[in-house]
C-alpha atoms as a PDB file:
ATOM      1  CA  MET A   1      10.665 -24.061  20.398  1.00  0.00           C
ATOM      2  CA  LYS A   2      14.086 -22.445  20.546  1.00  0.00           C
ATOM      3  CA  SER A   3      14.428 -18.898  19.275  1.00  0.00           C
ATOM      4  CA  HIS A   4      17.372 -18.123  17.071  1.00  0.00           C
ATOM      5  CA  TRP A   5      18.409 -14.635  16.906  1.00  0.00           C
ATOM      6  CA  HIS A   6      20.286 -12.998  14.016  1.00  0.00           C
ATOM      7  CA  PRO A   7      21.770  -9.543  14.119  1.00  0.00           C
ATOM      8  CA  SER A   8      19.585  -8.594  11.115  1.00  0.00           C
ATOM      9  CA  CYS A   9      16.591  -8.814  13.335  1.00  0.00           C
ATOM     10  CA  SER A  10      17.617  -5.604  14.851  1.00  0.00           C
ATOM     11  CA  LEU A  11      16.904  -3.774  11.553  1.00  0.00           C
ATOM     12  CA  LEU A  12      13.484  -5.221  11.249  1.00  0.00           C
ATOM     13  CA  LEU A  13      12.492  -4.481  14.828  1.00  0.00           C
ATOM     14  CA  SER A  14      13.803  -0.869  14.309  1.00  0.00           C
ATOM     15  CA  ALA A  15      11.540  -0.524  11.309  1.00  0.00           C
ATOM     16  CA  LEU A  16       8.487  -1.862  13.160  1.00  0.00           C
ATOM     17  CA  ALA A  17       9.176   0.410  16.181  1.00  0.00           C
ATOM     18  CA  VAL A  18       9.005   3.523  13.964  1.00  0.00           C
ATOM     19  CA  GLY A  19       5.979   2.288  11.992  1.00  0.00           C
ATOM     20  CA  ALA A  20       7.875   1.861   8.692  1.00  0.00           C
ATOM     21  CA  VAL A  21       5.845  -1.149   7.756  1.00  0.00           C
ATOM     22  CA  ALA A  22       2.303  -1.855   8.607  1.00  0.00           C
ATOM     23  CA  VAL A  23       1.664  -5.605   9.147  1.00  0.00           C
ATOM     24  CA  PRO A  24      -1.592  -6.653   7.483  1.00  0.00           C
ATOM     25  CA  ALA A  25      -4.326  -8.204   9.613  1.00  0.00           C
ATOM     26  CA  GLN A  26      -4.102 -11.525   7.714  1.00  0.00           C
ATOM     27  CA  ALA A  27      -0.334 -11.784   7.749  1.00  0.00           C
ATOM     28  CA  GLY A  28       1.167 -15.148   8.770  1.00  0.00           C
ATOM     29  CA  GLY A  29      -2.197 -16.999   9.140  1.00  0.00           C
ATOM     30  CA  TYR A  30      -4.793 -18.942   7.307  1.00  0.00           C
ATOM     31  CA  PRO A  31      -2.642 -21.621   5.659  1.00  0.00           C
ATOM     32  CA  ALA A  32      -5.827 -23.582   4.662  1.00  0.00           C
ATOM     33  CA  MET A  33      -7.322 -20.418   2.917  1.00  0.00           C
ATOM     34  CA  GLU A  34      -3.891 -19.711   1.246  1.00  0.00           C
ATOM     35  CA  LYS A  35      -3.692 -23.306  -0.168  1.00  0.00           C
ATOM     36  CA  TYR A  36      -7.240 -23.144  -1.315  1.00  0.00           C
ATOM     37  CA  ASN A  37      -6.542 -19.762  -3.047  1.00  0.00           C
ATOM     38  CA  LYS A  38      -3.396 -21.178  -4.707  1.00  0.00           C
ATOM     39  CA  ALA A  39      -5.489 -23.893  -6.088  1.00  0.00           C
ATOM     40  CA  VAL A  40      -8.152 -21.644  -7.422  1.00  0.00           C
ATOM     41  CA  VAL A  41      -5.559 -19.338  -9.200  1.00  0.00           C
ATOM     42  CA  ALA A  42      -3.570 -22.234 -10.521  1.00  0.00           C
ATOM     43  CA  GLN A  43      -6.636 -23.737 -12.237  1.00  0.00           C
ATOM     44  CA  PHE A  44      -7.675 -20.306 -13.570  1.00  0.00           C
ATOM     45  CA  VAL A  45      -4.099 -19.622 -15.021  1.00  0.00           C
ATOM     46  CA  SER A  46      -3.847 -23.047 -16.518  1.00  0.00           C
ATOM     47  CA  LYS A  47      -6.975 -22.409 -18.761  1.00  0.00           C
ATOM     48  CA  ILE A  48      -6.061 -18.798 -19.790  1.00  0.00           C
ATOM     49  CA  LEU A  49      -4.464 -20.028 -23.050  1.00  0.00           C
ATOM     50  CA  SER A  50      -6.605 -23.222 -23.291  1.00  0.00           C
ATOM     51  CA  ALA A  51      -9.724 -23.830 -25.505  1.00  0.00           C
ATOM     52  CA  THR A  52     -11.930 -23.168 -22.543  1.00  0.00           C
ATOM     53  CA  ASP A  53     -14.597 -20.569 -23.461  1.00  0.00           C
ATOM     54  CA  ALA A  54     -13.370 -17.189 -22.146  1.00  0.00           C
ATOM     55  CA  ASP A  55     -16.875 -16.363 -20.772  1.00  0.00           C
ATOM     56  CA  VAL A  56     -17.024 -19.678 -18.852  1.00  0.00           C
ATOM     57  CA  LEU A  57     -13.523 -19.175 -17.520  1.00  0.00           C
ATOM     58  CA  ALA A  58     -14.314 -15.600 -16.390  1.00  0.00           C
ATOM     59  CA  ARG A  59     -17.053 -17.074 -13.982  1.00  0.00           C
ATOM     60  CA  GLN A  60     -14.208 -17.629 -11.561  1.00  0.00           C
ATOM     61  CA  VAL A  61     -13.993 -13.832 -11.100  1.00  0.00           C
ATOM     62  CA  SER A  62     -16.368 -11.670  -9.304  1.00  0.00           C
ATOM     63  CA  PRO A  63     -18.927  -9.857 -11.567  1.00  0.00           C
ATOM     64  CA  TYR A  64     -17.488  -6.635  -9.818  1.00  0.00           C
ATOM     65  CA  LEU A  65     -13.840  -7.591 -10.151  1.00  0.00           C
ATOM     66  CA  ILE A  66     -11.599  -4.569  -9.825  1.00  0.00           C
ATOM     67  CA  GLU A  67      -8.981  -4.552 -12.594  1.00  0.00           C
ATOM     68  CA  HIS A  68      -5.634  -2.809 -12.632  1.00  0.00           C
ATOM     69  CA  ASP A  69      -4.295  -4.025 -15.934  1.00  0.00           C
ATOM     70  CA  PRO A  70      -4.295  -0.791 -17.944  1.00  0.00           C
ATOM     71  CA  SER A  71      -5.554  -2.583 -21.130  1.00  0.00           C
ATOM     72  CA  ALA A  72      -8.526  -4.335 -19.430  1.00  0.00           C
ATOM     73  CA  ALA A  73     -11.901  -3.256 -18.293  1.00  0.00           C
ATOM     74  CA  ASN A  74     -13.389  -3.947 -14.831  1.00  0.00           C
ATOM     75  CA  GLY A  75     -15.738  -6.810 -14.017  1.00  0.00           C
ATOM     76  CA  ARG A  76     -16.273 -10.349 -15.363  1.00  0.00           C
ATOM     77  CA  ASP A  77     -16.825  -9.155 -18.996  1.00  0.00           C
ATOM     78  CA  GLY A  78     -13.484  -7.185 -18.786  1.00  0.00           C
ATOM     79  CA  THR A  79     -11.714 -10.357 -17.697  1.00  0.00           C
ATOM     80  CA  ALA A  80     -13.230 -12.440 -20.593  1.00  0.00           C
ATOM     81  CA  GLY A  81     -12.087  -9.570 -22.792  1.00  0.00           C
ATOM     82  CA  TRP A  82      -8.416  -9.525 -21.798  1.00  0.00           C
ATOM     83  CA  ILE A  83      -8.287 -13.327 -22.006  1.00  0.00           C
ATOM     84  CA  ARG A  84      -9.554 -13.132 -25.534  1.00  0.00           C
ATOM     85  CA  ALA A  85      -7.075 -10.360 -26.472  1.00  0.00           C
ATOM     86  CA  LEU A  86      -4.175 -12.402 -24.898  1.00  0.00           C
ATOM     87  CA  ARG A  87      -5.178 -15.505 -26.886  1.00  0.00           C
ATOM     88  CA  ALA A  88      -5.239 -13.568 -30.071  1.00  0.00           C
ATOM     89  CA  LYS A  89      -1.815 -12.010 -29.346  1.00  0.00           C
ATOM     90  CA  ALA A  90      -0.349 -15.251 -28.118  1.00  0.00           C
ATOM     91  CA  SER A  91      -1.812 -17.672 -30.583  1.00  0.00           C
ATOM     92  CA  GLY A  92       0.111 -20.925 -30.441  1.00  0.00           C
ATOM     93  CA  GLN A  93       1.883 -20.047 -27.233  1.00  0.00           C
ATOM     94  CA  THR A  94       1.657 -21.514 -23.653  1.00  0.00           C
ATOM     95  CA  MET A  95       1.417 -20.084 -20.240  1.00  0.00           C
ATOM     96  CA  THR A  96       3.890 -21.801 -18.001  1.00  0.00           C
ATOM     97  CA  VAL A  97       3.710 -21.142 -14.199  1.00  0.00           C
ATOM     98  CA  LYS A  98       7.176 -20.529 -12.833  1.00  0.00           C
ATOM     99  CA  HIS A  99       6.471 -19.350  -9.346  1.00  0.00           C
ATOM    100  CA  LEU A 100       3.162 -19.522  -7.310  1.00  0.00           C
ATOM    101  CA  LEU A 101       2.906 -17.710  -3.864  1.00  0.00           C
ATOM    102  CA  ALA A 102       0.069 -17.119  -1.558  1.00  0.00           C
ATOM    103  CA  ASP A 103      -0.105 -14.647   1.370  1.00  0.00           C
ATOM    104  CA  GLY A 104      -3.320 -13.869   3.208  1.00  0.00           C
ATOM    105  CA  ASP A 105      -5.892 -13.099   0.465  1.00  0.00           C
ATOM    106  CA  MET A 106      -3.246 -12.565  -2.326  1.00  0.00           C
ATOM    107  CA  VAL A 107      -1.936 -14.983  -4.828  1.00  0.00           C
ATOM    108  CA  PHE A 108       1.114 -14.078  -7.010  1.00  0.00           C
ATOM    109  CA  VAL A 109       1.908 -15.949 -10.158  1.00  0.00           C
ATOM    110  CA  GLN A 110       5.012 -15.583 -12.262  1.00  0.00           C
ATOM    111  CA  SER A 111       4.521 -17.107 -15.683  1.00  0.00           C
ATOM    112  CA  GLN A 112       6.284 -17.446 -19.003  1.00  0.00           C
ATOM    113  CA  VAL A 113       4.152 -16.912 -22.071  1.00  0.00           C
ATOM    114  CA  SER A 114       5.901 -18.441 -25.009  1.00  0.00           C
ATOM    115  CA  ALA A 115       5.592 -20.607 -28.236  1.00  0.00           C
ATOM    116  CA  THR A 116       8.955 -22.289 -27.126  1.00  0.00           C
ATOM    117  CA  PRO A 117       8.529 -22.728 -23.295  1.00  0.00           C
ATOM    118  CA  ALA A 118      11.569 -24.983 -23.160  1.00  0.00           C
ATOM    119  CA  ASN A 119      13.629 -21.970 -24.036  1.00  0.00           C
ATOM    120  CA  GLU A 120      13.518 -19.620 -21.084  1.00  0.00           C
ATOM    121  CA  MET A 121      15.063 -16.782 -23.106  1.00  0.00           C
ATOM    122  CA  SER A 122      11.854 -16.311 -25.036  1.00  0.00           C
ATOM    123  CA  GLY A 123       8.314 -14.954 -24.667  1.00  0.00           C
ATOM    124  CA  THR A 124       6.935 -12.744 -22.036  1.00  0.00           C
ATOM    125  CA  ASN A 125       7.629 -12.507 -18.317  1.00  0.00           C
ATOM    126  CA  ARG A 126       4.312 -11.857 -16.499  1.00  0.00           C
ATOM    127  CA  TYR A 127       3.783 -11.054 -12.810  1.00  0.00           C
ATOM    128  CA  ASP A 128       0.065 -11.493 -11.963  1.00  0.00           C
ATOM    129  CA  PHE A 129      -1.396 -10.647  -8.537  1.00  0.00           C
ATOM    130  CA  TYR A 130      -4.912 -11.833  -7.592  1.00  0.00           C
ATOM    131  CA  ARG A 131      -6.927 -10.938  -4.508  1.00  0.00           C
ATOM    132  CA  LEU A 132      -9.451 -13.546  -3.577  1.00  0.00           C
ATOM    133  CA  ASP A 133     -12.522 -13.289  -1.221  1.00  0.00           C
ATOM    134  CA  ARG A 134     -14.438 -16.577  -0.422  1.00  0.00           C
ATOM    135  CA  GLY A 135     -13.117 -18.306  -3.432  1.00  0.00           C
ATOM    136  CA  TRP A 136     -13.696 -15.450  -5.927  1.00  0.00           C
ATOM    137  CA  ILE A 137     -11.120 -13.524  -7.727  1.00  0.00           C
ATOM    138  CA  VAL A 138     -12.044  -9.919  -6.837  1.00  0.00           C
ATOM    139  CA  GLU A 139      -9.067  -7.900  -7.803  1.00  0.00           C
ATOM    140  CA  HIS A 140      -6.172  -8.205 -10.327  1.00  0.00           C
ATOM    141  CA  TRP A 141      -2.888  -6.486 -11.186  1.00  0.00           C
ATOM    142  CA  VAL A 142      -0.252  -7.437 -13.692  1.00  0.00           C
ATOM    143  CA  VAL A 143       3.254  -6.199 -14.475  1.00  0.00           C
ATOM    144  CA  GLN A 144       4.907  -7.696 -17.599  1.00  0.00           C
ATOM    145  CA  GLY A 145       7.892  -7.344 -19.984  1.00  0.00           C
ATOM    146  CA  ALA A 146       9.531  -9.248 -22.846  1.00  0.00           C
ATOM    147  CA  ALA A 147      11.794 -11.982 -21.695  1.00  0.00           C
ATOM    148  CA  PRO A 148      15.414 -11.135 -22.880  1.00  0.00           C
ATOM    149  CA  THR A 149      17.172 -13.431 -25.498  1.00  0.00           C
ATOM    150  CA  ALA A 150      20.376 -13.095 -23.569  1.00  0.00           C
ATOM    151  CA  SER A 151      21.708 -12.043 -20.099  1.00  0.00           C
ATOM    152  CA  ALA A 152      24.859 -10.863 -18.537  1.00  0.00           C
ATOM    153  CA  THR A 153      25.004 -13.947 -16.372  1.00  0.00           C
ATOM    154  CA  GLY A 154      23.385 -16.489 -18.614  1.00  0.00           C
ATOM    155  CA  ASN A 155      20.561 -16.890 -16.150  1.00  0.00           C
ATOM    156  CA  SER A 156      16.998 -16.656 -17.347  1.00  0.00           C
ATOM    157  CA  GLU A 157      14.222 -14.616 -15.702  1.00  0.00           C
ATOM    158  CA  PHE A 158      12.536 -17.841 -14.658  1.00  0.00           C
ATOM    159  CA  SER A 159      15.084 -20.406 -13.305  1.00  0.00           C
ATOM    160  CA  ASN A 160      15.858 -21.310  -9.685  1.00  0.00           C
ATOM    161  CA  LEU A 161      19.528 -21.472  -9.035  1.00  0.00           C
ATOM    162  CA  TYR A 162      20.227 -21.169  -5.205  1.00  0.00           C
ATOM    163  CA  VAL A 163      21.072 -24.401  -3.510  1.00  0.00           C
ATOM    164  CA  TYR A 164      20.901 -24.702   0.284  1.00  0.00           C
ATOM    165  CA  PRO A 165      24.018 -26.199   1.893  1.00  0.00           C
ATOM    166  CA  LYS A 166      21.742 -28.715   3.735  1.00  0.00           C
ATOM    167  CA  PRO A 167      18.005 -29.674   3.737  1.00  0.00           C
ATOM    168  CA  GLN A 168      15.757 -27.077   5.164  1.00  0.00           C
ATOM    169  CA  ALA A 169      12.549 -27.528   7.310  1.00  0.00           C
ATOM    170  CA  PRO A 170       9.520 -25.578   6.214  1.00  0.00           C
ATOM    171  CA  LEU A 171       9.553 -22.016   7.556  1.00  0.00           C
ATOM    172  CA  SER A 172       7.143 -20.920  10.344  1.00  0.00           C
ATOM    173  CA  PRO A 173       4.464 -18.475   9.484  1.00  0.00           C
ATOM    174  CA  ASP A 174       6.235 -15.963  11.710  1.00  0.00           C
ATOM    175  CA  ARG A 175       9.525 -16.404   9.794  1.00  0.00           C
ATOM    176  CA  VAL A 176       7.774 -16.075   6.379  1.00  0.00           C
ATOM    177  CA  GLU A 177       6.176 -12.811   7.657  1.00  0.00           C
ATOM    178  CA  MET A 178       9.611 -11.571   8.783  1.00  0.00           C
ATOM    179  CA  ASN A 179      11.055 -12.306   5.341  1.00  0.00           C
ATOM    180  CA  ARG A 180       8.192 -10.110   3.916  1.00  0.00           C
ATOM    181  CA  LEU A 181       8.991  -7.314   6.329  1.00  0.00           C
ATOM    182  CA  MET A 182      12.626  -7.682   5.579  1.00  0.00           C
ATOM    183  CA  VAL A 183      12.263  -7.301   1.907  1.00  0.00           C
ATOM    184  CA  HIS A 184       9.707  -4.492   2.229  1.00  0.00           C
ATOM    185  CA  THR A 185      11.885  -2.565   4.591  1.00  0.00           C
ATOM    186  CA  LEU A 186      15.136  -3.041   2.805  1.00  0.00           C
ATOM    187  CA  SER A 187      13.603  -2.072  -0.725  1.00  0.00           C
ATOM    188  CA  GLU A 188      12.323   1.233   0.920  1.00  0.00           C
ATOM    189  CA  GLU A 189      15.640   1.918   2.652  1.00  0.00           C
ATOM    190  CA  VAL A 190      17.958   1.054  -0.270  1.00  0.00           C
ATOM    191  CA  PHE A 191      15.917   2.141  -3.340  1.00  0.00           C
ATOM    192  CA  GLY A 192      13.809   4.833  -1.739  1.00  0.00           C
ATOM    193  CA  LYS A 193      16.122   6.421   0.866  1.00  0.00           C
ATOM    194  CA  ARG A 194      19.402   5.404  -0.856  1.00  0.00           C
ATOM    195  CA  ASN A 195      20.884   3.783   2.131  1.00  0.00           C
ATOM    196  CA  PHE A 196      23.312   1.809   0.108  1.00  0.00           C
ATOM    197  CA  GLY A 197      25.394   0.676   3.112  1.00  0.00           C
ATOM    198  CA  LEU A 198      22.804  -2.026   3.695  1.00  0.00           C
ATOM    199  CA  LEU A 199      23.935  -3.821   0.580  1.00  0.00           C
ATOM    200  CA  ASP A 200      27.021  -5.014   2.492  1.00  0.00           C
ATOM    201  CA  ARG A 201      24.991  -6.149   5.480  1.00  0.00           C
ATOM    202  CA  MET A 202      21.775  -7.802   3.924  1.00  0.00           C
ATOM    203  CA  TRP A 203      22.726  -8.917   0.550  1.00  0.00           C
ATOM    204  CA  GLY A 204      24.696 -12.301  -0.054  1.00  0.00           C
ATOM    205  CA  VAL A 205      28.142 -11.904  -1.433  1.00  0.00           C
ATOM    206  CA  ASN A 206      27.280 -14.500  -4.061  1.00  0.00           C
ATOM    207  CA  TYR A 207      23.913 -12.976  -4.831  1.00  0.00           C
ATOM    208  CA  LEU A 208      22.391 -14.901  -7.769  1.00  0.00           C
ATOM    209  CA  GLN A 209      20.879 -12.428 -10.309  1.00  0.00           C
ATOM    210  CA  HIS A 210      18.148 -12.944 -12.861  1.00  0.00           C
ATOM    211  CA  ASN A 211      17.917  -9.397 -14.122  1.00  0.00           C
ATOM    212  CA  PRO A 212      19.497  -9.648 -17.612  1.00  0.00           C
ATOM    213  CA  TYR A 213      21.589  -6.435 -17.374  1.00  0.00           C
ATOM    214  CA  VAL A 214      23.392  -7.171 -13.983  1.00  0.00           C
ATOM    215  CA  ASP A 215      26.059  -9.762 -13.168  1.00  0.00           C
ATOM    216  CA  ASN A 216      25.926 -12.095 -10.325  1.00  0.00           C
ATOM    217  CA  GLY A 217      27.315 -10.993  -6.843  1.00  0.00           C
ATOM    218  CA  ARG A 218      26.759  -8.321  -4.403  1.00  0.00           C
ATOM    219  CA  ALA A 219      29.610  -6.226  -5.915  1.00  0.00           C
ATOM    220  CA  ALA A 220      27.884  -6.314  -9.329  1.00  0.00           C
ATOM    221  CA  LEU A 221      24.682  -4.829  -7.765  1.00  0.00           C
ATOM    222  CA  LYS A 222      26.683  -2.124  -5.854  1.00  0.00           C
ATOM    223  CA  SER A 223      28.345  -1.139  -9.075  1.00  0.00           C
ATOM    224  CA  VAL A 224      24.938  -0.082 -10.696  1.00  0.00           C
ATOM    225  CA  ILE A 225      22.994   0.908  -7.519  1.00  0.00           C
ATOM    226  CA  GLU A 226      23.453   4.597  -8.472  1.00  0.00           C
ATOM    227  CA  TYR A 227      21.905   4.013 -11.766  1.00  0.00           C
ATOM    228  CA  ILE A 228      19.070   2.036 -10.281  1.00  0.00           C
ATOM    229  CA  ALA A 229      18.310   4.652  -7.660  1.00  0.00           C
ATOM    230  CA  PRO A 230      19.664   7.951  -8.814  1.00  0.00           C
ATOM    231  CA  GLU A 231      19.693  11.094  -6.529  1.00  0.00           C
ATOM    232  CA  GLY A 232      16.192  12.755  -6.853  1.00  0.00           C
ATOM    233  CA  SER A 233      14.328   9.686  -7.993  1.00  0.00           C
ATOM    234  CA  HIS A 234      11.170   8.614  -6.110  1.00  0.00           C
ATOM    235  CA  TYR A 235      10.504   4.949  -5.016  1.00  0.00           C
ATOM    236  CA  ARG A 236       7.453   3.723  -3.163  1.00  0.00           C
ATOM    237  CA  VAL A 237       6.434   0.216  -2.203  1.00  0.00           C
ATOM    238  CA  VAL A 238       2.718  -0.483  -3.010  1.00  0.00           C
ATOM    239  CA  ARG A 239       2.535  -4.203  -2.323  1.00  0.00           C
ATOM    240  CA  SER A 240       4.565  -7.023  -0.640  1.00  0.00           C
ATOM    241  CA  LEU A 241       3.922 -10.594   0.115  1.00  0.00           C
ATOM    242  CA  ALA A 242       5.789 -13.739   1.026  1.00  0.00           C
ATOM    243  CA  ASP A 243       5.576 -17.506   0.937  1.00  0.00           C
ATOM    244  CA  GLY A 244       8.286 -19.841   2.095  1.00  0.00           C
ATOM    245  CA  ASP A 245      11.635 -18.488   1.415  1.00  0.00           C
ATOM    246  CA  LEU A 246      10.321 -16.211  -1.461  1.00  0.00           C
ATOM    247  CA  ALA A 247       9.263 -12.475  -0.934  1.00  0.00           C
ATOM    248  CA  VAL A 248       7.793 -10.155  -3.602  1.00  0.00           C
ATOM    249  CA  VAL A 249       7.717  -6.381  -3.468  1.00  0.00           C
ATOM    250  CA  CYS A 250       6.052  -4.103  -5.983  1.00  0.00           C
ATOM    251  CA  SER A 251       6.746  -0.429  -6.451  1.00  0.00           C
ATOM    252  CA  HIS A 252       6.058   2.817  -8.191  1.00  0.00           C
ATOM    253  CA  ASN A 253       9.338   4.357  -9.607  1.00  0.00           C
ATOM    254  CA  VAL A 254       9.568   7.887 -10.704  1.00  0.00           C
ATOM    255  CA  ASP A 255      12.645   9.551 -12.423  1.00  0.00           C
ATOM    256  CA  PRO A 256      14.167  12.778 -11.108  1.00  0.00           C
ATOM    257  CA  GLY A 257      11.901  15.686 -11.844  1.00  0.00           C
ATOM    258  CA  GLY A 258       8.803  13.586 -12.129  1.00  0.00           C
ATOM    259  CA  ASP A 259       5.652  13.722  -9.955  1.00  0.00           C
ATOM    260  CA  PRO A 260       5.514  10.870  -7.466  1.00  0.00           C
ATOM    261  CA  ALA A 261       1.815  11.546  -6.802  1.00  0.00           C
ATOM    262  CA  ASN A 262       0.816  10.855 -10.304  1.00  0.00           C
ATOM    263  CA  GLU A 263       0.021   7.105 -10.450  1.00  0.00           C
ATOM    264  CA  PHE A 264      -0.386   7.277 -14.344  1.00  0.00           C
ATOM    265  CA  ALA A 265       3.324   7.967 -14.944  1.00  0.00           C
ATOM    266  CA  GLY A 266       6.661   6.460 -14.146  1.00  0.00           C
ATOM    267  CA  ALA A 267       7.345   2.724 -14.028  1.00  0.00           C
ATOM    268  CA  ALA A 268       5.834  -0.227 -12.280  1.00  0.00           C
ATOM    269  CA  VAL A 269       8.521  -2.615 -10.968  1.00  0.00           C
ATOM    270  CA  CYS A 270       8.140  -5.954  -9.102  1.00  0.00           C
ATOM    271  CA  ASP A 271      11.211  -7.705  -7.479  1.00  0.00           C
ATOM    272  CA  MET A 272      11.196 -11.209  -6.162  1.00  0.00           C
ATOM    273  CA  TYR A 273      13.889 -12.312  -3.576  1.00  0.00           C
ATOM    274  CA  ARG A 274      14.988 -15.597  -1.954  1.00  0.00           C
ATOM    275  CA  VAL A 275      15.794 -15.010   1.554  1.00  0.00           C
ATOM    276  CA  ALA A 276      18.162 -17.515   3.341  1.00  0.00           C
ATOM    277  CA  ASN A 277      19.414 -17.057   6.844  1.00  0.00           C
ATOM    278  CA  PHE A 278      18.329 -13.350   6.803  1.00  0.00           C
ATOM    279  CA  GLU A 279      20.293 -12.596   3.627  1.00  0.00           C
ATOM    280  CA  LEU A 280      19.020 -11.843   0.131  1.00  0.00           C
ATOM    281  CA  VAL A 281      20.603 -14.593  -1.965  1.00  0.00           C
ATOM    282  CA  GLU A 282      18.630 -14.523  -5.368  1.00  0.00           C
ATOM    283  CA  HIS A 283      16.626 -11.981  -7.335  1.00  0.00           C
ATOM    284  CA  TRP A 284      14.210 -11.784 -10.111  1.00  0.00           C
ATOM    285  CA  ASP A 285      12.289  -8.798 -11.539  1.00  0.00           C
ATOM    286  CA  VAL A 286      10.106  -7.266 -14.093  1.00  0.00           C
ATOM    287  CA  GLY A 287       9.113  -3.719 -15.065  1.00  0.00           C
ATOM    288  CA  GLN A 288       6.970  -1.773 -17.405  1.00  0.00           C
ATOM    289  CA  ASN A 289       6.338   1.815 -18.101  1.00  0.00           C
ATOM    290  CA  VAL A 290       3.071   3.157 -16.749  1.00  0.00           C
ATOM    291  CA  PRO A 291       0.568   4.276 -19.384  1.00  0.00           C
ATOM    292  CA  SER A 292      -1.079   7.682 -18.930  1.00  0.00           C
ATOM    293  CA  THR A 293      -4.520   6.254 -19.359  1.00  0.00           C
ATOM    294  CA  SER A 294      -6.401   2.949 -18.282  1.00  0.00           C
ATOM    295  CA  ALA A 295      -9.362   1.163 -19.642  1.00  0.00           C
ATOM    296  CA  ASN A 296     -10.771   0.667 -16.113  1.00  0.00           C
ATOM    297  CA  GLY A 297      -9.816   4.005 -14.696  1.00  0.00           C
ATOM    298  CA  ASN A 298      -7.660   2.489 -11.869  1.00  0.00           C
ATOM    299  CA  SER A 299      -4.013   2.893 -11.471  1.00  0.00           C
ATOM    300  CA  MET A 300      -1.489   0.004 -11.487  1.00  0.00           C
ATOM    301  CA  PHE A 301      -0.757   0.797  -7.780  1.00  0.00           C
ATOM    302  CA  SER A 302      -3.949   1.330  -5.953  1.00  0.00           C
ATOM    303  CA  SER A 303      -5.527  -1.314  -3.770  1.00  0.00           C
ATOM    304  CA  LEU A 304      -9.312  -0.753  -3.869  1.00  0.00           C
ATOM    305  CA  TYR A 305     -11.305  -3.799  -2.769  1.00  0.00           C
ATOM    306  CA  ARG A 306     -12.850  -4.015   0.659  1.00  0.00           C
ATOM    307  CA  HIS A 307     -13.688  -7.327   2.307  1.00  0.00           C
ATOM    308  CA  ARG A 308     -17.249  -7.903   3.411  1.00  0.00           C
ATOM    309  CA  GLY A 309     -17.317  -7.131   7.036  1.00  0.00           C
ATOM    310  CA  ASN A 310     -14.208  -4.846   6.919  1.00  0.00           C
ATOM    311  CA  ARG A 311     -14.636  -1.516   8.598  1.00  0.00           C
END
């Protein structure tokens, strides 16, 4: 196999050399497990707003499930509870999966919950993350927000717009993992350390934007970057994963003067990027304020499950 070098690889290798990003033990492997995990979660999600009994559906999760949704309790009963609550709140609505990614033991689902799913400027934009172990859902996080009724670009928060100039072969596991490392590292460098010069090096000039408040293009992002990452703010990546040319990174964001050690304050933000030829070419996101209390006692940012056999 030929090796194709890109100058951007230098940034990734530098980050790895100084330990900026820890590579998970399962990164880049287990394609059969990832495919199975996707199928388990896809089936579960497809029935959340169905007529399936909530207690029956909740049997797909571990009795000891660790929950990070602030409104839901831990365990199987907690899952059945939040399903019932969502059904009551979203009566007459559907949950439409827009993106489904798997990486190691994690599955990410972006979905639109709406009574008018054909209208992508409606409903709720949900980013759900599920950790699985031997077919059981054992840990769950969610970040969600209202889908905007209009946007600066006319793009919805759900559509896929980037078009490759020619057909692309499937990416190798190593290349997918490099995409994850790239997005993870760039997020910390730009939004955490305010290294804004990287925008000109790593973001596509025709960057496609699904955030409703920012226009398309690298220049538009540069024009608002001081607002996104103001001096004195705190940004910490808590989770990242990649599948194909898409990579997702979730972060804890704290305004200037706030306490970054308090995981029950600030904002939870998840960004999804399309990576093409070592450039970020398309972006989606969702964010919500972090409540000061939680029904399960867990923060939206912690990762608590330990696999059987892990030390």
